[in-house]
């Protein structure tokens, strides 16, 4: 089921005008997941699968910056938490892209049953900065 969803999501975000998704080296991702998901967020459940995307959202004002073009919007990341999948922009180092942010949506679903799309829970001010700092310290 997750593989089928990944294929569908890749098909949606890949087009000739948007650019092809790019994937980072697995070793960096595994290390980043260990730091953020297991370390800072202290999660024991499986971390979301990550899809690295670099679209340039033509006409958005964000041309030249990797983002995710989806349903007419331009995003730095998207969480498909029901399917345990996170789409992350591939423009910046881990400490500065949407990796920790999208994983935090999944943490909140597990903890509270809600991804907190409004970003109002305390974790956005406590856990997210801690995750970004840990990635920065690791050189990611």
C-alpha atoms as a PDB file:
ATOM      1  CA  UNK A   1       0.000   0.000   0.000  1.00  0.00           C
ATOM      2  CA  UNK A   2       2.780   2.483   0.915  1.00  0.00           C
ATOM      3  CA  UNK A   3       4.674   1.711  -2.292  1.00  0.00           C
ATOM      4  CA  UNK A   4       1.546   2.317  -4.378  1.00  0.00           C
ATOM      5  CA  UNK A   5       0.972   5.637  -2.580  1.00  0.00           C
ATOM      6  CA  UNK A   6       4.581   6.684  -3.167  1.00  0.00           C
ATOM      7  CA  UNK A   7       4.225   5.966  -6.879  1.00  0.00           C
ATOM      8  CA  UNK A   8       0.983   7.960  -7.056  1.00  0.00           C
ATOM      9  CA  UNK A   9       2.453  10.902  -5.140  1.00  0.00           C
ATOM     10  CA  UNK A  10       5.532  10.935  -7.370  1.00  0.00           C
ATOM     11  CA  UNK A  11       3.313  10.920 -10.433  1.00  0.00           C
ATOM     12  CA  UNK A  12       1.289  13.857  -9.084  1.00  0.00           C
ATOM     13  CA  UNK A  13       4.299  16.029  -8.291  1.00  0.00           C
ATOM     14  CA  UNK A  14       6.352  15.088 -11.363  1.00  0.00           C
ATOM     15  CA  UNK A  15       5.621  16.878 -14.592  1.00  0.00           C
ATOM     16  CA  UNK A  16       7.599  18.325 -17.446  1.00  0.00           C
ATOM     17  CA  UNK A  17       7.115  21.915 -16.247  1.00  0.00           C
ATOM     18  CA  UNK A  18       7.698  21.193 -12.566  1.00  0.00           C
ATOM     19  CA  UNK A  19      10.918  19.160 -12.618  1.00  0.00           C
ATOM     20  CA  UNK A  20      11.636  15.664 -11.428  1.00  0.00           C
ATOM     21  CA  UNK A  21      11.783  14.721  -7.758  1.00  0.00           C
ATOM     22  CA  UNK A  22      15.303  14.238  -6.496  1.00  0.00           C
ATOM     23  CA  UNK A  23      16.276  11.762  -3.783  1.00  0.00           C
ATOM     24  CA  UNK A  24      19.078  12.278  -1.258  1.00  0.00           C
ATOM     25  CA  UNK A  25      21.523   9.569  -0.273  1.00  0.00           C
ATOM     26  CA  UNK A  26      19.880   7.044   2.044  1.00  0.00           C
ATOM     27  CA  UNK A  27      22.662   7.176   4.626  1.00  0.00           C
ATOM     28  CA  UNK A  28      22.056  10.870   5.304  1.00  0.00           C
ATOM     29  CA  UNK A  29      18.334  10.321   5.605  1.00  0.00           C
ATOM     30  CA  UNK A  30      18.734   7.380   7.983  1.00  0.00           C
ATOM     31  CA  UNK A  31      21.067   9.441  10.163  1.00  0.00           C
ATOM     32  CA  UNK A  32      18.668  12.412  10.140  1.00  0.00           C
ATOM     33  CA  UNK A  33      15.730  10.148  11.049  1.00  0.00           C
ATOM     34  CA  UNK A  34      17.728   8.688  13.936  1.00  0.00           C
ATOM     35  CA  UNK A  35      18.568  12.161  15.252  1.00  0.00           C
ATOM     36  CA  UNK A  36      15.103  13.671  14.876  1.00  0.00           C
ATOM     37  CA  UNK A  37      12.533  10.862  15.026  1.00  0.00           C
ATOM     38  CA  UNK A  38      14.231   8.601  17.564  1.00  0.00           C
ATOM     39  CA  UNK A  39      16.397  11.146  19.417  1.00  0.00           C
ATOM     40  CA  UNK A  40      14.614  14.482  19.718  1.00  0.00           C
ATOM     41  CA  UNK A  41      11.035  13.317  19.145  1.00  0.00           C
ATOM     42  CA  UNK A  42      11.619  10.045  21.077  1.00  0.00           C
ATOM     43  CA  UNK A  43       9.379   8.035  18.779  1.00  0.00           C
ATOM     44  CA  UNK A  44       9.415   4.239  18.674  1.00  0.00           C
ATOM     45  CA  UNK A  45       6.854   3.868  15.859  1.00  0.00           C
ATOM     46  CA  UNK A  46       8.060   3.723  12.263  1.00  0.00           C
ATOM     47  CA  UNK A  47       9.090   7.097  10.877  1.00  0.00           C
ATOM     48  CA  UNK A  48       7.270   8.329   7.767  1.00  0.00           C
ATOM     49  CA  UNK A  49       8.724   7.485   4.389  1.00  0.00           C
ATOM     50  CA  UNK A  50      10.301  10.619   2.945  1.00  0.00           C
ATOM     51  CA  UNK A  51       9.965  11.746  -0.659  1.00  0.00           C
ATOM     52  CA  UNK A  52      12.449  14.475  -1.598  1.00  0.00           C
ATOM     53  CA  UNK A  53      10.983  16.887  -4.127  1.00  0.00           C
ATOM     54  CA  UNK A  54      12.424  19.789  -6.077  1.00  0.00           C
ATOM     55  CA  UNK A  55       9.756  21.601  -8.089  1.00  0.00           C
ATOM     56  CA  UNK A  56      10.180  25.247  -8.922  1.00  0.00           C
ATOM     57  CA  UNK A  57       6.523  26.313  -8.820  1.00  0.00           C
ATOM     58  CA  UNK A  58       6.462  28.439 -11.999  1.00  0.00           C
ATOM     59  CA  UNK A  59       4.758  31.797 -11.502  1.00  0.00           C
ATOM     60  CA  UNK A  60       4.766  31.523  -7.705  1.00  0.00           C
ATOM     61  CA  UNK A  61       7.545  33.972  -6.987  1.00  0.00           C
ATOM     62  CA  UNK A  62       9.614  31.047  -5.679  1.00  0.00           C
ATOM     63  CA  UNK A  63      11.266  30.135  -8.980  1.00  0.00           C
ATOM     64  CA  UNK A  64      14.730  28.661  -8.503  1.00  0.00           C
ATOM     65  CA  UNK A  65      13.926  27.439  -5.003  1.00  0.00           C
ATOM     66  CA  UNK A  66      12.948  23.806  -4.515  1.00  0.00           C
ATOM     67  CA  UNK A  67       9.379  23.481  -3.329  1.00  0.00           C
ATOM     68  CA  UNK A  68       6.460  21.139  -3.833  1.00  0.00           C
ATOM     69  CA  UNK A  69       3.782  22.070  -6.340  1.00  0.00           C
ATOM     70  CA  UNK A  70       0.560  20.359  -5.314  1.00  0.00           C
ATOM     71  CA  UNK A  71      -3.087  21.110  -6.137  1.00  0.00           C
ATOM     72  CA  UNK A  72      -2.214  24.586  -7.386  1.00  0.00           C
ATOM     73  CA  UNK A  73      -0.224  25.526  -4.267  1.00  0.00           C
ATOM     74  CA  UNK A  74       3.483  25.844  -3.603  1.00  0.00           C
ATOM     75  CA  UNK A  75       4.748  24.272  -0.373  1.00  0.00           C
ATOM     76  CA  UNK A  76       8.020  23.639   1.431  1.00  0.00           C
ATOM     77  CA  UNK A  77       6.705  20.262   2.536  1.00  0.00           C
ATOM     78  CA  UNK A  78       3.552  18.187   2.794  1.00  0.00           C
ATOM     79  CA  UNK A  79       2.527  15.392   5.137  1.00  0.00           C
ATOM     80  CA  UNK A  80       0.321  12.528   4.069  1.00  0.00           C
ATOM     81  CA  UNK A  81       0.137  11.319   7.642  1.00  0.00           C
ATOM     82  CA  UNK A  82      -2.672   8.833   7.052  1.00  0.00           C
ATOM     83  CA  UNK A  83      -0.224   6.967   4.822  1.00  0.00           C
ATOM     84  CA  UNK A  84       2.904   7.712   6.905  1.00  0.00           C
ATOM     85  CA  UNK A  85       4.548   9.662   4.074  1.00  0.00           C
ATOM     86  CA  UNK A  86       6.241  13.073   4.180  1.00  0.00           C
ATOM     87  CA  UNK A  87       7.211  15.116   1.121  1.00  0.00           C
ATOM     88  CA  UNK A  88      10.139  17.439   1.794  1.00  0.00           C
ATOM     89  CA  UNK A  89      11.724  20.196  -0.285  1.00  0.00           C
ATOM     90  CA  UNK A  90      15.247  19.293  -1.341  1.00  0.00           C
ATOM     91  CA  UNK A  91      16.710  22.799  -1.422  1.00  0.00           C
ATOM     92  CA  UNK A  92      18.466  23.213   1.913  1.00  0.00           C
ATOM     93  CA  UNK A  93      20.432  21.165   4.436  1.00  0.00           C
ATOM     94  CA  UNK A  94      18.309  19.030   6.778  1.00  0.00           C
ATOM     95  CA  UNK A  95      18.533  21.627   9.545  1.00  0.00           C
ATOM     96  CA  UNK A  96      16.923  24.247   7.287  1.00  0.00           C
ATOM     97  CA  UNK A  97      14.473  22.336   5.096  1.00  0.00           C
ATOM     98  CA  UNK A  98      11.018  21.043   6.052  1.00  0.00           C
ATOM     99  CA  UNK A  99      12.217  17.574   7.167  1.00  0.00           C
ATOM    100  CA  UNK A 100      11.799  18.096  10.942  1.00  0.00           C
ATOM    101  CA  UNK A 101       8.590  20.065  10.394  1.00  0.00           C
ATOM    102  CA  UNK A 102       6.895  17.344   8.341  1.00  0.00           C
ATOM    103  CA  UNK A 103       8.013  14.611  10.734  1.00  0.00           C
ATOM    104  CA  UNK A 104       6.558  16.629  13.613  1.00  0.00           C
ATOM    105  CA  UNK A 105       3.127  16.541  11.945  1.00  0.00           C
ATOM    106  CA  UNK A 106       3.362  12.725  12.091  1.00  0.00           C
ATOM    107  CA  UNK A 107       4.442  12.833  15.750  1.00  0.00           C
ATOM    108  CA  UNK A 108       1.383  14.910  16.600  1.00  0.00           C
ATOM    109  CA  UNK A 109      -0.905  12.473  14.787  1.00  0.00           C
ATOM    110  CA  UNK A 110       0.526   9.616  16.830  1.00  0.00           C
ATOM    111  CA  UNK A 111       0.346  11.546  20.126  1.00  0.00           C
ATOM    112  CA  UNK A 112      -2.964  13.395  19.687  1.00  0.00           C
ATOM    113  CA  UNK A 113      -4.684  11.947  16.611  1.00  0.00           C
ATOM    114  CA  UNK A 114      -4.376  15.305  14.815  1.00  0.00           C
ATOM    115  CA  UNK A 115      -1.550  16.700  12.625  1.00  0.00           C
ATOM    116  CA  UNK A 116      -2.126  20.234  13.967  1.00  0.00           C
ATOM    117  CA  UNK A 117      -2.314  21.945  10.584  1.00  0.00           C
ATOM    118  CA  UNK A 118      -2.718  25.259  12.441  1.00  0.00           C
ATOM    119  CA  UNK A 119       0.696  24.767  14.106  1.00  0.00           C
ATOM    120  CA  UNK A 120      -0.700  25.773  17.482  1.00  0.00           C
ATOM    121  CA  UNK A 121       0.624  23.033  19.783  1.00  0.00           C
ATOM    122  CA  UNK A 122       3.571  23.729  22.065  1.00  0.00           C
ATOM    123  CA  UNK A 123       5.744  21.198  20.211  1.00  0.00           C
ATOM    124  CA  UNK A 124       6.202  23.687  17.341  1.00  0.00           C
ATOM    125  CA  UNK A 125       8.041  25.998  19.761  1.00  0.00           C
ATOM    126  CA  UNK A 126       9.906  23.313  21.697  1.00  0.00           C
ATOM    127  CA  UNK A 127      10.541  20.122  19.712  1.00  0.00           C
ATOM    128  CA  UNK A 128      10.938  21.647  16.249  1.00  0.00           C
ATOM    129  CA  UNK A 129      13.740  24.080  17.226  1.00  0.00           C
ATOM    130  CA  UNK A 130      15.440  21.284  19.205  1.00  0.00           C
ATOM    131  CA  UNK A 131      15.314  18.994  16.149  1.00  0.00           C
ATOM    132  CA  UNK A 132      16.731  21.670  13.857  1.00  0.00           C
ATOM    133  CA  UNK A 133      19.508  22.431  16.346  1.00  0.00           C
ATOM    134  CA  UNK A 134      20.395  18.739  16.664  1.00  0.00           C
ATOM    135  CA  UNK A 135      20.622  18.433  12.881  1.00  0.00           C
ATOM    136  CA  UNK A 136      22.762  21.562  12.709  1.00  0.00           C
ATOM    137  CA  UNK A 137      25.116  20.186  15.367  1.00  0.00           C
ATOM    138  CA  UNK A 138      25.388  16.931  13.364  1.00  0.00           C
ATOM    139  CA  UNK A 139      26.369  18.909  10.273  1.00  0.00           C
ATOM    140  CA  UNK A 140      23.186  17.974   8.452  1.00  0.00           C
END
